[in-house]
C-alpha cells in the first residue's frame, strides 16, 4: 500500500513538474521573422543596460537586460517601429538608456564637460608653470629682494670683539 501511494505521488510530481520544465521561455529566443529579429538585435546593441551601465542589453546577463530584450521583441512583434521602441524606452528611463545619447541641452555637460575640464586644467597648469618659471628667473623668493643694511659703528665694534674672542 505504501509503495502504491509513493508511486502515485511520484507520477503526479513528474506530471506537474515535468510539464512546466519541458520548455521554458527564453528571453533570447529569436523572433520567427528574420527581419524583425535583425531589428531587435540592432536595437539591443544600441540600448544600455541600466545595471551594468557599460554594456548594451545585448551583451548583458542582468535580469533587467533580459526583461528589456523581451520588451523590445514584444513591441516589435506588436508592430512598433524602431523609433517607437526607442521613444518608449527613453520616456521610461531617460536618455541614459541609449548607448549614444543625443546632443541636446540637458546633455551638454555630459558631452562637453570633460573637454571643458581638460581645457581649464591645462590652462591653469600652463599659467602656474609660467609664473613659477618667471619667479625663478627673476630671483624672487630666494631672500635677495633687498641688500642688508650696513652695520652701525656700535654693531661693528661688537662684532669685532666677538670675533677676537673666538679661540679658533
N, C-alpha and C. Protein backbone atom coordinates (compact mmCIF):
# COMPACT_ATOMS: atom_id res chain seq x y z
N UNK A 1 0.81 -1.18 0.00
CA UNK A 1 0.00 0.00 0.00
C UNK A 1 0.87 1.26 0.00
N UNK A 2 1.93 1.25 0.79
CA UNK A 2 2.83 2.41 0.83
C UNK A 2 3.54 2.59 -0.51
N UNK A 3 3.95 1.51 -1.08
CA UNK A 3 4.65 1.58 -2.36
C UNK A 3 3.72 2.14 -3.43
N UNK A 4 2.46 1.75 -3.38
CA UNK A 4 1.50 2.24 -4.36
C UNK A 4 1.30 3.75 -4.20
N UNK A 5 1.14 4.25 -2.98
CA UNK A 5 0.99 5.69 -2.73
C UNK A 5 2.23 6.45 -3.19
N UNK A 6 3.38 5.87 -2.90
CA UNK A 6 4.64 6.51 -3.32
C UNK A 6 4.72 6.63 -4.83
N UNK A 7 4.36 5.57 -5.53
CA UNK A 7 4.41 5.59 -6.99
C UNK A 7 3.39 6.58 -7.57
N UNK A 8 2.21 6.64 -7.00
CA UNK A 8 1.19 7.60 -7.46
C UNK A 8 1.67 9.03 -7.22
N UNK A 9 2.23 9.28 -6.06
CA UNK A 9 2.77 10.62 -5.75
C UNK A 9 3.92 10.99 -6.68
N UNK A 10 4.76 10.03 -6.97
CA UNK A 10 5.87 10.25 -7.89
C UNK A 10 5.36 10.55 -9.30
N UNK A 11 4.33 9.84 -9.74
CA UNK A 11 3.76 10.07 -11.07
C UNK A 11 3.12 11.45 -11.15
N UNK A 12 2.42 11.86 -10.11
CA UNK A 12 1.79 13.19 -10.09
C UNK A 12 2.86 14.27 -10.09
N UNK A 13 3.92 14.11 -9.32
CA UNK A 13 5.01 15.08 -9.29
C UNK A 13 5.69 15.18 -10.65
N UNK A 14 5.87 14.04 -11.31
CA UNK A 14 6.50 14.04 -12.63
C UNK A 14 5.63 14.77 -13.64
N UNK A 15 4.32 14.58 -13.55
CA UNK A 15 3.42 15.26 -14.49
C UNK A 15 3.41 16.76 -14.21
N UNK A 16 3.32 17.14 -12.96
CA UNK A 16 3.24 18.56 -12.62
C UNK A 16 4.54 19.29 -12.92
N UNK A 17 5.64 18.76 -12.44
CA UNK A 17 6.92 19.45 -12.60
C UNK A 17 7.55 19.19 -13.96
N UNK A 18 7.29 18.06 -14.53
CA UNK A 18 7.85 17.75 -15.85
C UNK A 18 7.20 18.58 -16.95
N UNK A 19 5.93 18.87 -16.83
CA UNK A 19 5.23 19.63 -17.87
C UNK A 19 5.69 21.08 -17.89
N UNK A 20 5.93 21.67 -16.73
CA UNK A 20 6.34 23.07 -16.71
C UNK A 20 7.79 23.23 -17.09
N UNK A 21 8.61 22.24 -16.82
CA UNK A 21 10.03 22.36 -17.12
C UNK A 21 10.39 21.85 -18.50
N UNK A 22 9.42 21.33 -19.24
CA UNK A 22 9.73 20.76 -20.54
C UNK A 22 10.23 21.82 -21.51
N UNK A 23 9.57 22.97 -21.55
CA UNK A 23 10.01 24.03 -22.46
C UNK A 23 9.87 25.36 -21.73
N UNK A 24 10.97 25.90 -21.30
CA UNK A 24 10.97 27.19 -20.61
C UNK A 24 11.14 28.29 -21.65
N UNK A 25 10.49 29.42 -21.41
CA UNK A 25 10.61 30.55 -22.33
C UNK A 25 11.97 31.21 -22.14
N UNK A 26 12.65 31.44 -23.22
CA UNK A 26 13.95 32.11 -23.19
C UNK A 26 13.78 33.52 -23.71
N UNK A 27 14.24 34.52 -22.96
CA UNK A 27 14.11 35.89 -23.43
C UNK A 27 14.95 36.17 -24.67
N UNK A 28 15.90 35.29 -24.93
CA UNK A 28 16.75 35.47 -26.09
C UNK A 28 16.29 34.61 -27.27
N UNK A 29 15.10 34.05 -27.14
CA UNK A 29 14.56 33.25 -28.24
C UNK A 29 14.29 34.16 -29.42
N UNK A 30 14.84 33.85 -30.59
CA UNK A 30 14.67 34.75 -31.73
C UNK A 30 13.23 34.80 -32.21
N UNK A 31 12.89 35.93 -32.79
CA UNK A 31 11.57 36.09 -33.39
C UNK A 31 11.49 35.24 -34.65
N UNK A 32 10.28 34.86 -35.02
CA UNK A 32 10.12 34.00 -36.19
C UNK A 32 10.44 34.74 -37.48
N UNK A 33 10.22 36.03 -37.51
CA UNK A 33 10.52 36.83 -38.70
C UNK A 33 11.98 37.29 -38.63
N UNK A 34 12.83 36.88 -39.58
CA UNK A 34 14.25 37.27 -39.54
C UNK A 34 14.47 38.78 -39.61
N UNK A 35 13.62 39.51 -40.31
CA UNK A 35 13.77 40.96 -40.39
C UNK A 35 13.51 41.60 -39.03
N UNK A 36 12.47 41.12 -38.34
CA UNK A 36 12.19 41.64 -37.00
C UNK A 36 13.30 41.29 -36.03
N UNK A 37 13.84 40.09 -36.16
CA UNK A 37 14.94 39.69 -35.26
C UNK A 37 16.18 40.55 -35.50
N UNK A 38 16.46 40.86 -36.75
CA UNK A 38 17.61 41.73 -37.06
C UNK A 38 17.39 43.12 -36.47
N UNK A 39 16.17 43.64 -36.56
CA UNK A 39 15.87 44.94 -35.96
C UNK A 39 16.01 44.87 -34.45
N UNK A 40 15.55 43.78 -33.84
CA UNK A 40 15.66 43.62 -32.38
C UNK A 40 17.12 43.59 -31.96
N UNK A 41 17.95 42.86 -32.70
CA UNK A 41 19.38 42.80 -32.36
C UNK A 41 20.04 44.17 -32.48
N UNK A 42 19.68 44.92 -33.52
CA UNK A 42 20.24 46.27 -33.70
C UNK A 42 19.82 47.18 -32.55
N UNK A 43 18.54 47.13 -32.18
CA UNK A 43 18.07 47.95 -31.06
C UNK A 43 18.74 47.53 -29.76
N UNK A 44 18.90 46.24 -29.54
CA UNK A 44 19.52 45.75 -28.30
C UNK A 44 20.95 46.24 -28.16
N UNK A 45 21.67 46.35 -29.26
CA UNK A 45 23.05 46.83 -29.21
C UNK A 45 23.13 48.33 -28.93
N UNK A 46 22.06 49.06 -29.23
CA UNK A 46 22.06 50.50 -29.01
C UNK A 46 21.49 50.92 -27.67
N UNK A 47 21.03 49.96 -26.87
CA UNK A 47 20.43 50.28 -25.57
C UNK A 47 21.36 49.85 -24.45
N UNK A 48 21.55 50.74 -23.48
CA UNK A 48 22.46 50.50 -22.36
C UNK A 48 21.76 49.69 -21.27
N UNK A 49 22.49 48.75 -20.71
CA UNK A 49 22.00 48.03 -19.55
C UNK A 49 22.08 48.97 -18.35
N UNK A 50 20.98 49.18 -17.68
CA UNK A 50 20.94 50.11 -16.56
C UNK A 50 21.60 49.54 -15.31
N UNK A 51 21.82 48.25 -15.29
CA UNK A 51 22.50 47.62 -14.16
C UNK A 51 24.02 47.66 -14.38
N UNK A 52 24.44 47.21 -15.56
CA UNK A 52 25.88 47.14 -15.87
C UNK A 52 26.44 48.50 -16.27
N UNK A 53 25.67 49.29 -16.96
CA UNK A 53 25.96 50.64 -17.41
C UNK A 53 27.09 50.73 -18.43
N UNK A 54 27.92 49.76 -18.55
CA UNK A 54 28.99 49.82 -19.54
C UNK A 54 28.72 48.86 -20.70
N UNK A 55 27.65 48.12 -20.62
CA UNK A 55 27.32 47.13 -21.64
C UNK A 55 25.96 47.44 -22.24
N UNK A 56 25.78 46.97 -23.46
CA UNK A 56 24.45 47.07 -24.06
C UNK A 56 23.60 45.93 -23.50
N UNK A 57 22.30 46.02 -23.72
CA UNK A 57 21.44 44.94 -23.22
C UNK A 57 21.67 43.67 -24.01
N UNK A 58 22.25 43.77 -25.20
CA UNK A 58 22.57 42.58 -25.98
C UNK A 58 23.72 41.81 -25.35
N UNK A 59 24.62 42.50 -24.67
CA UNK A 59 25.81 41.86 -24.08
C UNK A 59 25.65 41.50 -22.61
N UNK A 60 24.64 42.04 -21.96
CA UNK A 60 24.50 41.89 -20.52
C UNK A 60 23.71 40.63 -20.16
N UNK A 61 24.05 40.04 -19.01
CA UNK A 61 23.32 38.89 -18.48
C UNK A 61 22.41 39.28 -17.32
N UNK A 62 22.29 40.56 -17.04
CA UNK A 62 21.47 41.02 -15.92
C UNK A 62 19.99 40.75 -16.20
N UNK A 63 19.23 40.55 -15.15
CA UNK A 63 17.79 40.28 -15.30
C UNK A 63 17.08 41.44 -16.00
N UNK A 64 17.44 42.67 -15.65
CA UNK A 64 16.80 43.82 -16.28
C UNK A 64 17.10 43.85 -17.77
N UNK A 65 18.31 43.49 -18.16
CA UNK A 65 18.65 43.45 -19.58
C UNK A 65 17.82 42.40 -20.31
N UNK A 66 17.61 41.26 -19.67
CA UNK A 66 16.76 40.23 -20.28
C UNK A 66 15.33 40.74 -20.43
N UNK A 67 14.83 41.41 -19.39
CA UNK A 67 13.48 41.95 -19.47
C UNK A 67 13.37 42.99 -20.59
N UNK A 68 14.39 43.81 -20.74
CA UNK A 68 14.36 44.82 -21.80
C UNK A 68 14.44 44.17 -23.18
N UNK A 69 15.20 43.08 -23.32
CA UNK A 69 15.25 42.38 -24.60
C UNK A 69 13.88 41.80 -24.94
N UNK A 70 13.20 41.25 -23.94
CA UNK A 70 11.85 40.73 -24.16
C UNK A 70 10.92 41.86 -24.56
N UNK A 71 11.01 42.99 -23.87
CA UNK A 71 10.17 44.14 -24.17
C UNK A 71 10.38 44.64 -25.60
N UNK A 72 11.64 44.71 -26.02
CA UNK A 72 11.95 45.15 -27.39
C UNK A 72 11.32 44.20 -28.39
N UNK A 73 11.47 42.89 -28.17
CA UNK A 73 10.89 41.91 -29.10
C UNK A 73 9.37 41.99 -29.11
N UNK A 74 8.76 42.15 -27.93
CA UNK A 74 7.30 42.24 -27.87
C UNK A 74 6.78 43.46 -28.62
N UNK A 75 7.45 44.59 -28.44
CA UNK A 75 6.99 45.81 -29.10
C UNK A 75 7.18 45.73 -30.61
N UNK A 76 8.29 45.13 -31.04
CA UNK A 76 8.49 44.96 -32.48
C UNK A 76 7.47 44.00 -33.07
N UNK A 77 7.18 42.92 -32.35
CA UNK A 77 6.18 41.95 -32.81
C UNK A 77 4.79 42.58 -32.86
N UNK A 78 4.55 43.58 -31.99
CA UNK A 78 3.25 44.26 -31.97
C UNK A 78 3.13 45.28 -33.10
N UNK A 79 4.23 45.52 -33.83
CA UNK A 79 4.16 46.42 -34.97
C UNK A 79 4.78 47.79 -34.75
N UNK A 80 5.44 48.01 -33.62
CA UNK A 80 6.09 49.30 -33.37
C UNK A 80 7.31 49.47 -34.27
N UNK A 81 7.59 50.71 -34.63
CA UNK A 81 8.80 51.00 -35.40
C UNK A 81 9.98 51.09 -34.43
N UNK A 82 11.19 51.13 -34.99
CA UNK A 82 12.38 51.26 -34.15
C UNK A 82 12.33 52.54 -33.33
N UNK A 83 11.89 53.63 -33.95
CA UNK A 83 11.79 54.90 -33.24
C UNK A 83 10.75 54.84 -32.13
N UNK A 84 9.65 54.12 -32.36
CA UNK A 84 8.62 53.98 -31.32
C UNK A 84 9.18 53.24 -30.11
N UNK A 85 9.94 52.19 -30.36
CA UNK A 85 10.54 51.41 -29.26
C UNK A 85 11.54 52.28 -28.50
N UNK A 86 12.39 53.00 -29.24
CA UNK A 86 13.39 53.86 -28.61
C UNK A 86 12.71 54.98 -27.82
N UNK A 87 11.68 55.60 -28.40
CA UNK A 87 10.96 56.65 -27.69
C UNK A 87 10.29 56.12 -26.43
N UNK A 88 9.71 54.94 -26.50
CA UNK A 88 9.08 54.34 -25.34
C UNK A 88 10.09 54.15 -24.21
N UNK A 89 11.27 53.61 -24.56
CA UNK A 89 12.27 53.34 -23.53
C UNK A 89 12.90 54.63 -22.99
N UNK A 90 13.12 55.63 -23.84
CA UNK A 90 13.69 56.89 -23.34
C UNK A 90 12.67 57.66 -22.51
N UNK A 91 11.39 57.53 -22.83
CA UNK A 91 10.36 58.15 -21.98
C UNK A 91 10.34 57.50 -20.61
N UNK A 92 10.59 56.22 -20.58
CA UNK A 92 10.53 55.47 -19.33
C UNK A 92 11.82 55.59 -18.51
N UNK A 93 12.99 55.54 -19.19
CA UNK A 93 14.27 55.50 -18.47
C UNK A 93 15.16 56.72 -18.72
N UNK A 94 14.80 57.59 -19.63
CA UNK A 94 15.62 58.76 -19.93
C UNK A 94 16.66 58.45 -21.00
N UNK A 95 17.40 59.48 -21.40
CA UNK A 95 18.40 59.32 -22.46
C UNK A 95 19.57 58.44 -22.04
N UNK A 96 19.71 58.18 -20.75
CA UNK A 96 20.82 57.36 -20.27
C UNK A 96 20.75 55.94 -20.82
N UNK A 97 19.56 55.48 -21.18
CA UNK A 97 19.42 54.12 -21.69
C UNK A 97 20.03 53.96 -23.08
N UNK A 98 20.26 55.06 -23.76
CA UNK A 98 20.87 55.00 -25.09
C UNK A 98 22.38 54.92 -24.98
N UNK A 99 22.99 54.04 -25.75
CA UNK A 99 24.44 53.93 -25.73
C UNK A 99 25.09 55.20 -26.28
N UNK A 100 24.44 55.86 -27.23
CA UNK A 100 24.91 57.14 -27.77
C UNK A 100 23.80 58.16 -27.60
N UNK A 101 23.74 58.82 -26.43
CA UNK A 101 22.66 59.77 -26.21
C UNK A 101 22.78 60.97 -27.14
N UNK A 102 21.65 61.60 -27.47
CA UNK A 102 21.70 62.75 -28.38
C UNK A 102 22.32 63.97 -27.72
N UNK A 103 22.89 64.84 -28.55
CA UNK A 103 23.45 66.08 -28.05
C UNK A 103 22.31 67.08 -27.98
N UNK A 104 21.90 67.41 -26.76
CA UNK A 104 20.86 68.40 -26.55
C UNK A 104 21.11 69.08 -25.22
N UNK A 105 20.33 70.11 -24.93
CA UNK A 105 20.57 70.98 -23.79
C UNK A 105 20.88 70.27 -22.48
N UNK A 106 20.10 69.26 -22.14
CA UNK A 106 20.29 68.59 -20.86
C UNK A 106 21.57 67.75 -20.84
N UNK A 107 22.08 67.41 -22.00
CA UNK A 107 23.26 66.53 -22.07
C UNK A 107 24.54 67.27 -22.39
N UNK A 108 24.52 68.58 -22.49
CA UNK A 108 25.73 69.32 -22.84
C UNK A 108 26.86 69.05 -21.84
N UNK A 109 26.52 68.95 -20.57
CA UNK A 109 27.54 68.70 -19.55
C UNK A 109 28.20 67.34 -19.79
N UNK A 110 27.40 66.34 -20.16
CA UNK A 110 27.96 65.01 -20.41
C UNK A 110 28.85 64.99 -21.65
N UNK A 111 28.45 65.73 -22.67
CA UNK A 111 29.20 65.73 -23.92
C UNK A 111 30.44 66.62 -23.86
N UNK A 112 30.28 67.82 -23.30
CA UNK A 112 31.35 68.81 -23.37
C UNK A 112 32.05 69.05 -22.04
N UNK A 113 31.54 68.51 -20.95
CA UNK A 113 32.15 68.69 -19.64
C UNK A 113 33.58 68.21 -19.55
N UNK A 114 33.89 66.99 -20.01
CA UNK A 114 35.27 66.52 -19.93
C UNK A 114 36.24 67.39 -20.74
N UNK A 115 35.81 67.83 -21.90
CA UNK A 115 36.68 68.69 -22.73
C UNK A 115 36.91 70.02 -22.03
N UNK A 116 35.84 70.59 -21.48
CA UNK A 116 35.97 71.87 -20.77
C UNK A 116 36.88 71.72 -19.55
N UNK A 117 36.73 70.64 -18.80
CA UNK A 117 37.59 70.42 -17.63
C UNK A 117 39.05 70.26 -18.04
N UNK A 118 39.29 69.58 -19.14
CA UNK A 118 40.65 69.43 -19.63
C UNK A 118 41.25 70.77 -20.04
N UNK A 119 40.47 71.60 -20.72
CA UNK A 119 40.96 72.92 -21.13
C UNK A 119 41.25 73.82 -19.93
N UNK A 120 40.33 73.84 -18.96
CA UNK A 120 40.54 74.67 -17.77
C UNK A 120 41.75 74.19 -16.98
N UNK A 121 41.87 72.88 -16.81
CA UNK A 121 43.02 72.33 -16.07
C UNK A 121 44.33 72.59 -16.80
N UNK A 122 44.34 72.43 -18.11
CA UNK A 122 45.55 72.69 -18.89
C UNK A 122 45.96 74.14 -18.83
N UNK A 123 44.98 75.04 -18.90
CA UNK A 123 45.27 76.48 -18.80
C UNK A 123 45.84 76.81 -17.42
N UNK A 124 45.26 76.26 -16.38
CA UNK A 124 45.75 76.52 -15.02
C UNK A 124 47.19 76.01 -14.85
N UNK A 125 47.48 74.84 -15.37
CA UNK A 125 48.84 74.29 -15.28
C UNK A 125 49.81 75.17 -16.08
N UNK A 126 49.40 75.61 -17.25
CA UNK A 126 50.26 76.46 -18.08
C UNK A 126 50.63 77.74 -17.35
N UNK A 127 49.62 78.43 -16.79
CA UNK A 127 49.91 79.69 -16.11
C UNK A 127 50.68 79.48 -14.82
N UNK A 128 50.44 78.39 -14.11
CA UNK A 128 51.21 78.11 -12.89
C UNK A 128 52.67 77.83 -13.24
N UNK A 129 52.91 77.08 -14.30
CA UNK A 129 54.28 76.81 -14.73
C UNK A 129 54.97 78.09 -15.18
N UNK A 130 54.24 78.89 -15.92
CA UNK A 130 54.81 80.15 -16.41
C UNK A 130 55.16 81.09 -15.26
N UNK A 131 54.28 81.14 -14.27
CA UNK A 131 54.52 82.02 -13.10
C UNK A 131 55.73 81.53 -12.30
N UNK A 132 55.82 80.22 -12.10
CA UNK A 132 56.95 79.66 -11.35
C UNK A 132 58.26 79.89 -12.09
N UNK A 133 58.25 79.72 -13.39
CA UNK A 133 59.45 79.92 -14.19
C UNK A 133 59.89 81.38 -14.15
N UNK A 134 58.94 82.31 -14.23
CA UNK A 134 59.26 83.73 -14.20
C UNK A 134 59.85 84.13 -12.85
N UNK A 135 59.31 83.55 -11.78
CA UNK A 135 59.83 83.89 -10.45
C UNK A 135 61.24 83.32 -10.25
N UNK A 136 61.54 82.19 -10.85
CA UNK A 136 62.89 81.62 -10.74
C UNK A 136 63.90 82.45 -11.52
N UNK A 137 63.50 82.92 -12.67
CA UNK A 137 64.41 83.71 -13.49
C UNK A 137 64.71 85.07 -12.87
N UNK A 138 63.73 85.67 -12.19
CA UNK A 138 63.95 86.98 -11.59
C UNK A 138 64.66 86.89 -10.24
N UNK A 139 64.73 85.69 -9.67
CA UNK A 139 65.40 85.51 -8.39
C UNK A 139 64.49 85.79 -7.22
N UNK A 140 63.26 86.06 -7.46
CA UNK A 140 62.32 86.34 -6.38
C UNK A 140 62.10 85.06 -5.59
N UNK A 141 61.84 85.22 -4.34
CA UNK A 141 61.55 84.09 -3.49
C UNK A 141 62.80 83.48 -2.87
N UNK A 142 64.00 84.03 -3.12
CA UNK A 142 65.22 83.49 -2.54
C UNK A 142 65.76 84.37 -1.43
N UNK A 143 65.04 85.39 -1.05
CA UNK A 143 65.50 86.26 0.03
C UNK A 143 66.44 87.34 -0.46
N UNK A 144 66.63 87.52 -1.74
CA UNK A 144 67.55 88.52 -2.26
C UNK A 144 66.80 89.73 -2.81
N UNK A 145 65.65 89.99 -2.26
CA UNK A 145 64.85 91.11 -2.75
C UNK A 145 65.52 92.45 -2.43
N UNK A 146 66.23 92.56 -1.29
CA UNK A 146 66.93 93.81 -0.94
C UNK A 146 68.23 93.47 -0.21
N UNK A 147 69.24 94.32 -0.35
CA UNK A 147 70.53 94.10 0.32
C UNK A 147 70.40 94.46 1.79
N UNK A 148 71.13 93.77 2.68
CA UNK A 148 71.03 94.09 4.10
C UNK A 148 71.61 95.48 4.38
N UNK A 149 71.07 96.11 5.39
CA UNK A 149 71.55 97.45 5.77
C UNK A 149 72.96 97.34 6.35
N UNK A 150 73.82 98.34 6.11
CA UNK A 150 75.18 98.28 6.67
C UNK A 150 75.13 98.36 8.20
N UNK A 151 76.19 97.82 8.84
CA UNK A 151 76.26 97.82 10.30
C UNK A 151 76.57 99.22 10.82
N UNK A 152 75.98 99.50 11.95
CA UNK A 152 76.30 100.77 12.62
C UNK A 152 77.67 100.62 13.26
N UNK A 153 78.34 101.74 13.62
CA UNK A 153 79.66 101.63 14.27
C UNK A 153 79.62 100.81 15.55
N UNK A 154 78.56 100.90 16.35
CA UNK A 154 78.46 100.10 17.57
C UNK A 154 78.36 98.60 17.25
N UNK A 155 77.56 98.27 16.24
CA UNK A 155 77.42 96.88 15.84
C UNK A 155 78.75 96.33 15.29
N UNK A 156 79.48 97.15 14.57
CA UNK A 156 80.76 96.72 14.01
C UNK A 156 81.77 96.43 15.12
N UNK A 157 81.84 97.32 16.18
CA UNK A 157 82.74 97.10 17.30
C UNK A 157 82.40 95.83 18.06
N UNK A 158 81.13 95.63 18.26
CA UNK A 158 80.68 94.43 18.98
C UNK A 158 81.05 93.19 18.19
N UNK A 159 80.86 93.22 16.89
CA UNK A 159 81.22 92.09 16.05
C UNK A 159 82.73 91.82 16.11
N UNK A 160 83.50 92.89 16.07
CA UNK A 160 84.96 92.72 16.15
C UNK A 160 85.39 92.09 17.47
N UNK A 161 84.76 92.51 18.56
CA UNK A 161 85.13 91.93 19.86
C UNK A 161 84.73 90.47 19.93
N UNK A 162 83.58 90.13 19.36
CA UNK A 162 83.15 88.72 19.36
C UNK A 162 84.08 87.87 18.52
N UNK A 163 84.54 88.41 17.43
CA UNK A 163 85.45 87.65 16.56
C UNK A 163 86.84 87.53 17.17
N UNK A 164 87.27 88.53 17.91
CA UNK A 164 88.59 88.46 18.57
C UNK A 164 88.57 87.44 19.70
N UNK A 165 87.43 87.27 20.36
CA UNK A 165 87.34 86.33 21.46
C UNK A 165 87.23 84.88 20.98
N UNK A 166 87.04 84.71 19.72
CA UNK A 166 86.85 83.37 19.16
C UNK A 166 88.18 82.62 19.23
N UNK A 167 88.26 81.44 19.89
CA UNK A 167 89.53 80.73 20.07
C UNK A 167 90.02 80.08 18.78
N UNK A 168 89.26 79.94 17.79
CA UNK A 168 89.72 79.24 16.60
C UNK A 168 90.34 80.16 15.66
